[in-house]
Amino acid sequence: MFPIRDENPHFLPPLATLTLLAANIAVWALIQGFGTEPALSLSICQLGLVPGDLMGTLPPGAAFPLGPDSACVVDRGGRWFTVLSSMFMHGSWLHIIGNMWFLWVFGNNVEDAMGHGRFLVFYLLCGIAAAALQMALTNNPAIPMVGASGAIGGVMGAYVLLYPRVRVHLLVILGFFVTTIAVPAFFMLGYWFLLQLLGGFTAVGSKGGGVAFWAHVGGFVAGAAMVPIFKNRELLKRHPYYGWSRPSPRRWRKD
């Protein structure tokens, strides 16, 4: 299931969401060379988050593979800024397109509930929390972490508490059968969260790379936990779909 859109109006211009989208795309183009080599591998080597490097648990000269014929030597002195830089790195076209689409679908309404500045701080803190949980539970501290998924997971965790009954339209592909359905946000995002938990427990013991499921879980939980701190009640007063109430269509129609 892939979200297409939600039935949720927004009132503020999504400046922070657009800024994050632009920053991720700019990094993909200017630093990662649109995913071409050697720019992609070099960016992951220099700006990806390597848990063992940050925590100082890897021996000098340790290396992680970047491909079948290349590796990156971990000798960076625990670069703390990779916690932030890694949030703007991606590993493939599918990776960045998926992340940016989820950010656009859910980010504008969460920004609407917080304001521009609060939303940016919230997003970065969710990304940091996501990285922390992934580092704590990783089985291979030499594997780099890249991607905005953890921070976007935090946006989704906030969304499900702010707008649980908003209908989200999903694209469903079952073999040759393609259709769309609309379900409440709590169902779609709850299902997504359970998949991340299942993926995380399934990956226990794995030494290879792959999806950072625990980063998704950490971001989601952090986002849900921080909503009471970051939401702006004055902004939410005008939002018809806030909470579990069932408004009439006239309350949210915008002319």
Protein backbone atom coordinates (compact mmCIF):
# COMPACT_ATOMS: atom_id res chain seq x y z
CA MET A 1 0.00 0.00 0.00
CA PHE A 2 1.36 3.38 -1.01
CA PRO A 3 -0.23 6.69 0.09
CA ILE A 4 -1.39 8.93 -2.76
CA ARG A 5 -2.97 11.79 -0.84
CA ASP A 6 -4.99 12.61 2.25
CA GLU A 7 -8.30 14.41 2.72
CA ASN A 8 -6.79 16.98 5.03
CA PRO A 9 -6.71 20.71 4.24
CA HIS A 10 -3.76 22.81 5.35
CA PHE A 11 -3.82 26.52 6.08
CA LEU A 12 -0.19 27.56 6.41
CA PRO A 13 2.05 27.54 3.34
CA PRO A 14 4.24 24.43 3.90
CA LEU A 15 7.49 26.40 3.83
CA ALA A 16 9.43 24.08 6.15
CA THR A 17 8.25 20.95 4.34
CA LEU A 18 9.24 22.45 0.99
CA THR A 19 12.61 23.49 2.43
CA LEU A 20 13.30 19.93 3.58
CA LEU A 21 12.24 18.55 0.22
CA ALA A 22 14.50 21.01 -1.59
CA ALA A 23 17.45 20.25 0.72
CA ASN A 24 17.18 16.50 0.19
CA ILE A 25 16.87 16.87 -3.58
CA ALA A 26 19.78 19.31 -3.70
CA VAL A 27 22.01 16.90 -1.77
CA TRP A 28 20.97 14.04 -4.08
CA ALA A 29 21.86 16.13 -7.12
CA LEU A 30 24.89 18.12 -6.05
CA ILE A 31 26.64 15.81 -3.58
CA GLN A 32 25.44 12.34 -4.53
CA GLY A 33 25.47 12.92 -8.29
CA PHE A 34 21.90 11.65 -8.77
CA GLY A 35 23.06 8.27 -7.48
CA THR A 36 25.95 7.81 -9.90
CA GLU A 37 29.39 6.52 -8.97
CA PRO A 38 31.77 7.46 -7.51
CA ALA A 39 29.74 10.34 -6.01
CA LEU A 40 27.20 8.03 -4.36
CA SER A 41 29.74 5.82 -2.59
CA LEU A 42 31.94 8.75 -1.66
CA SER A 43 29.03 10.67 -0.10
CA ILE A 44 27.95 7.65 1.95
CA CYS A 45 31.55 7.11 3.07
CA GLN A 46 32.07 10.72 4.15
CA LEU A 47 28.60 11.81 5.30
CA GLY A 48 26.79 8.61 6.27
CA LEU A 49 26.41 7.71 9.94
CA VAL A 50 28.58 4.75 10.92
CA PRO A 51 27.49 3.71 14.44
CA GLY A 52 30.81 2.17 15.43
CA ASP A 53 32.70 5.23 14.25
CA LEU A 54 30.50 7.64 16.18
CA MET A 55 30.62 5.55 19.35
CA GLY A 56 34.32 4.70 18.98
CA THR A 57 33.76 0.94 19.08
CA LEU A 58 35.47 0.12 15.78
CA PRO A 59 39.23 -0.49 15.63
CA PRO A 60 41.39 1.89 13.58
CA GLY A 61 41.39 0.97 9.92
CA ALA A 62 38.05 -0.84 10.06
CA ALA A 63 36.18 -0.73 6.76
CA PHE A 64 32.66 -1.26 5.48
CA PRO A 65 31.80 -2.41 1.95
CA LEU A 66 30.37 0.07 -0.53
CA GLY A 67 30.00 -2.41 -3.35
CA PRO A 68 31.48 -5.59 -4.75
CA ASP A 69 34.82 -3.95 -5.46
CA SER A 70 35.10 -1.04 -3.04
CA ALA A 71 35.13 -0.25 0.66
CA CYS A 72 35.31 2.78 2.93
CA VAL A 73 37.89 2.90 5.70
CA VAL A 74 36.43 4.08 9.00
CA ASP A 75 39.00 6.48 10.38
CA ARG A 76 37.02 9.67 10.87
CA GLY A 77 37.35 10.35 14.57
CA GLY A 78 33.67 9.95 15.41
CA ARG A 79 32.24 12.71 13.24
CA TRP A 80 29.20 13.86 15.23
CA PHE A 81 27.75 15.87 12.36
CA THR A 82 27.01 12.67 10.44
CA VAL A 83 23.97 12.26 12.72
CA LEU A 84 22.50 15.22 10.82
CA SER A 85 24.15 14.85 7.41
CA SER A 86 23.02 11.23 7.09
CA MET A 87 19.37 12.41 7.23
CA PHE A 88 19.85 14.07 3.85
CA MET A 89 21.68 11.17 2.16
CA HIS A 90 19.96 8.45 0.14
CA GLY A 91 21.04 5.21 -1.45
CA SER A 92 18.96 5.04 -4.63
CA TRP A 93 16.31 6.78 -6.73
CA LEU A 94 13.60 4.60 -5.17
CA HIS A 95 14.86 5.50 -1.70
CA ILE A 96 14.68 9.26 -2.15
CA ILE A 97 11.45 9.29 -4.19
CA GLY A 98 9.64 7.19 -1.59
CA ASN A 99 10.90 9.28 1.31
CA MET A 100 10.10 12.60 -0.30
CA TRP A 101 6.61 11.47 -1.27
CA PHE A 102 5.80 10.38 2.29
CA LEU A 103 7.19 13.68 3.58
CA TRP A 104 4.99 15.66 1.22
CA VAL A 105 1.81 13.69 1.96
CA PHE A 106 2.11 13.90 5.75
CA GLY A 107 4.51 16.77 6.42
CA ASN A 108 2.38 19.75 5.42
CA ASN A 109 -0.38 18.99 7.92
CA VAL A 110 2.04 18.32 10.78
CA GLU A 111 3.74 21.62 9.96
CA ASP A 112 0.26 23.17 10.00
CA ALA A 113 -0.09 22.03 13.62
CA MET A 114 3.29 23.34 14.76
CA GLY A 115 4.37 26.27 12.63
CA HIS A 116 7.43 26.43 10.42
CA GLY A 117 10.24 26.76 12.98
CA ARG A 118 8.87 24.24 15.45
CA PHE A 119 8.34 21.72 12.67
CA LEU A 120 11.96 21.96 11.50
CA VAL A 121 13.28 21.41 15.03
CA PHE A 122 10.80 18.56 15.54
CA TYR A 123 11.89 16.89 12.29
CA LEU A 124 15.59 16.99 13.19
CA LEU A 125 14.99 15.69 16.71
CA CYS A 126 12.97 12.78 15.31
CA GLY A 127 15.87 11.97 13.00
CA ILE A 128 18.31 12.02 15.90
CA ALA A 129 16.06 9.74 17.98
CA ALA A 130 15.74 7.37 15.01
CA ALA A 131 19.51 7.18 14.62
CA ALA A 132 19.96 6.58 18.35
CA LEU A 133 17.68 3.55 18.41
CA GLN A 134 19.19 2.09 15.25
CA MET A 135 22.70 2.50 16.69
CA ALA A 136 21.65 0.86 19.94
CA LEU A 137 20.18 -2.19 18.20
CA THR A 138 22.44 -2.59 15.19
CA ASN A 139 24.26 -5.90 14.75
CA ASN A 140 26.99 -4.47 12.55
CA PRO A 141 28.35 -1.10 13.73
CA ALA A 142 30.40 -0.74 10.54
CA ILE A 143 27.35 -0.47 8.25
CA PRO A 144 26.54 3.18 7.39
CA MET A 145 23.08 4.64 7.93
CA VAL A 146 21.61 7.03 5.38
CA GLY A 147 18.16 8.36 4.63
CA ALA A 148 15.39 10.63 5.85
CA SER A 149 13.14 7.70 6.77
CA GLY A 150 13.63 7.99 10.53
CA ALA A 151 12.77 11.68 10.63
CA ILE A 152 9.79 11.10 8.32
CA GLY A 153 8.73 8.26 10.60
CA GLY A 154 8.54 10.91 13.33
CA VAL A 155 6.29 13.03 11.10
CA MET A 156 4.02 10.02 10.64
CA GLY A 157 3.96 9.34 14.38
CA ALA A 158 2.84 12.92 14.95
CA TYR A 159 0.27 12.75 12.16
CA VAL A 160 -1.48 9.69 13.57
CA LEU A 161 -2.03 11.43 16.91
CA LEU A 162 -3.00 14.77 15.43
CA TYR A 163 -5.31 13.53 12.66
CA PRO A 164 -6.17 9.86 13.38
CA ARG A 165 -9.47 9.78 11.44
CA VAL A 166 -8.40 11.63 8.31
CA ARG A 167 -8.91 9.45 5.26
CA VAL A 168 -5.72 8.54 3.39
CA HIS A 169 -6.02 7.34 -0.20
CA LEU A 170 -3.75 4.38 -0.94
CA LEU A 171 -2.54 2.76 -4.12
CA VAL A 172 -2.86 -1.01 -3.79
CA ILE A 173 -1.06 -3.33 -6.21
CA LEU A 174 -1.80 -7.07 -6.08
CA GLY A 175 -0.05 -8.63 -9.03
CA PHE A 176 -1.84 -7.37 -12.13
CA PHE A 177 -4.70 -5.94 -10.05
CA VAL A 178 -4.29 -2.23 -9.23
CA THR A 179 -6.82 -0.19 -7.29
CA THR A 180 -7.13 2.60 -4.75
CA ILE A 181 -8.76 2.56 -1.35
CA ALA A 182 -9.28 5.19 1.35
CA VAL A 183 -8.71 4.28 5.00
CA PRO A 184 -8.38 6.26 8.26
CA ALA A 185 -4.88 7.51 9.02
CA PHE A 186 -4.68 5.47 12.23
CA PHE A 187 -5.22 2.29 10.21
CA MET A 188 -2.68 3.05 7.49
CA LEU A 189 0.01 4.40 9.82
CA GLY A 190 -0.63 1.76 12.45
CA TYR A 191 -0.19 -0.92 9.79
CA TRP A 192 3.04 0.75 8.62
CA PHE A 193 4.39 0.86 12.19
CA LEU A 194 3.63 -2.82 12.77
CA LEU A 195 5.50 -3.68 9.56
CA GLN A 196 8.54 -1.79 10.84
CA LEU A 197 8.41 -3.64 14.16
CA LEU A 198 8.10 -6.96 12.37
CA GLY A 199 11.00 -6.06 10.08
CA GLY A 200 13.12 -5.02 13.04
CA PHE A 201 12.58 -8.26 14.95
CA THR A 202 13.07 -10.32 11.79
CA ALA A 203 16.42 -8.63 11.18
CA VAL A 204 17.75 -9.44 14.66
CA GLY A 205 21.08 -11.19 14.26
CA SER A 206 21.64 -10.06 10.68
CA LYS A 207 25.11 -8.67 9.99
CA GLY A 208 24.39 -7.24 6.55
CA GLY A 209 22.90 -3.97 5.38
CA GLY A 210 19.34 -3.36 4.30
CA VAL A 211 16.44 -1.37 5.71
CA ALA A 212 17.01 0.39 9.05
CA PHE A 213 13.72 -0.76 10.56
CA TRP A 214 14.63 0.30 14.10
CA ALA A 215 15.32 3.84 12.87
CA HIS A 216 11.75 3.93 11.52
CA VAL A 217 10.42 2.66 14.84
CA GLY A 218 12.51 5.13 16.85
CA GLY A 219 11.46 8.08 14.72
CA PHE A 220 7.77 7.14 14.86
CA VAL A 221 7.75 6.72 18.65
CA ALA A 222 9.72 9.94 19.16
CA GLY A 223 7.35 11.86 16.90
CA ALA A 224 4.30 10.60 18.75
CA ALA A 225 5.91 11.35 22.13
CA MET A 226 6.92 14.91 21.20
CA VAL A 227 3.57 16.03 19.75
CA PRO A 228 2.30 17.51 23.06
CA ILE A 229 5.44 19.65 23.27
CA PHE A 230 5.55 20.91 19.70
CA LYS A 231 1.91 21.31 18.68
CA ASN A 232 0.51 24.83 18.65
CA ARG A 233 -3.00 24.86 20.09
CA GLU A 234 -3.86 28.18 18.48
CA LEU A 235 -3.04 26.79 15.04
CA LEU A 236 -4.98 23.60 15.73
CA LYS A 237 -8.13 25.50 16.73
CA ARG A 238 -8.87 26.19 13.07
CA HIS A 239 -8.10 22.66 11.93
CA PRO A 240 -11.35 20.71 11.42
CA TYR A 241 -9.84 17.24 11.42
CA TYR A 242 -7.76 17.58 14.58
CA GLY A 243 -8.34 14.73 17.03
CA TRP A 244 -11.09 12.13 16.98
CA SER A 245 -14.05 14.44 16.25
CA ARG A 246 -16.15 13.84 13.16
CA PRO A 247 -16.76 17.26 11.55
CA SER A 248 -19.41 17.96 8.93
CA PRO A 249 -18.08 18.66 5.42
CA ARG A 250 -19.08 22.32 5.71
CA ARG A 251 -16.58 22.86 8.51
CA TRP A 252 -13.57 22.10 6.36
CA ARG A 253 -14.57 23.22 2.88
CA LYS A 254 -12.34 26.04 1.66
CA ASP A 255 -13.63 28.39 -1.05
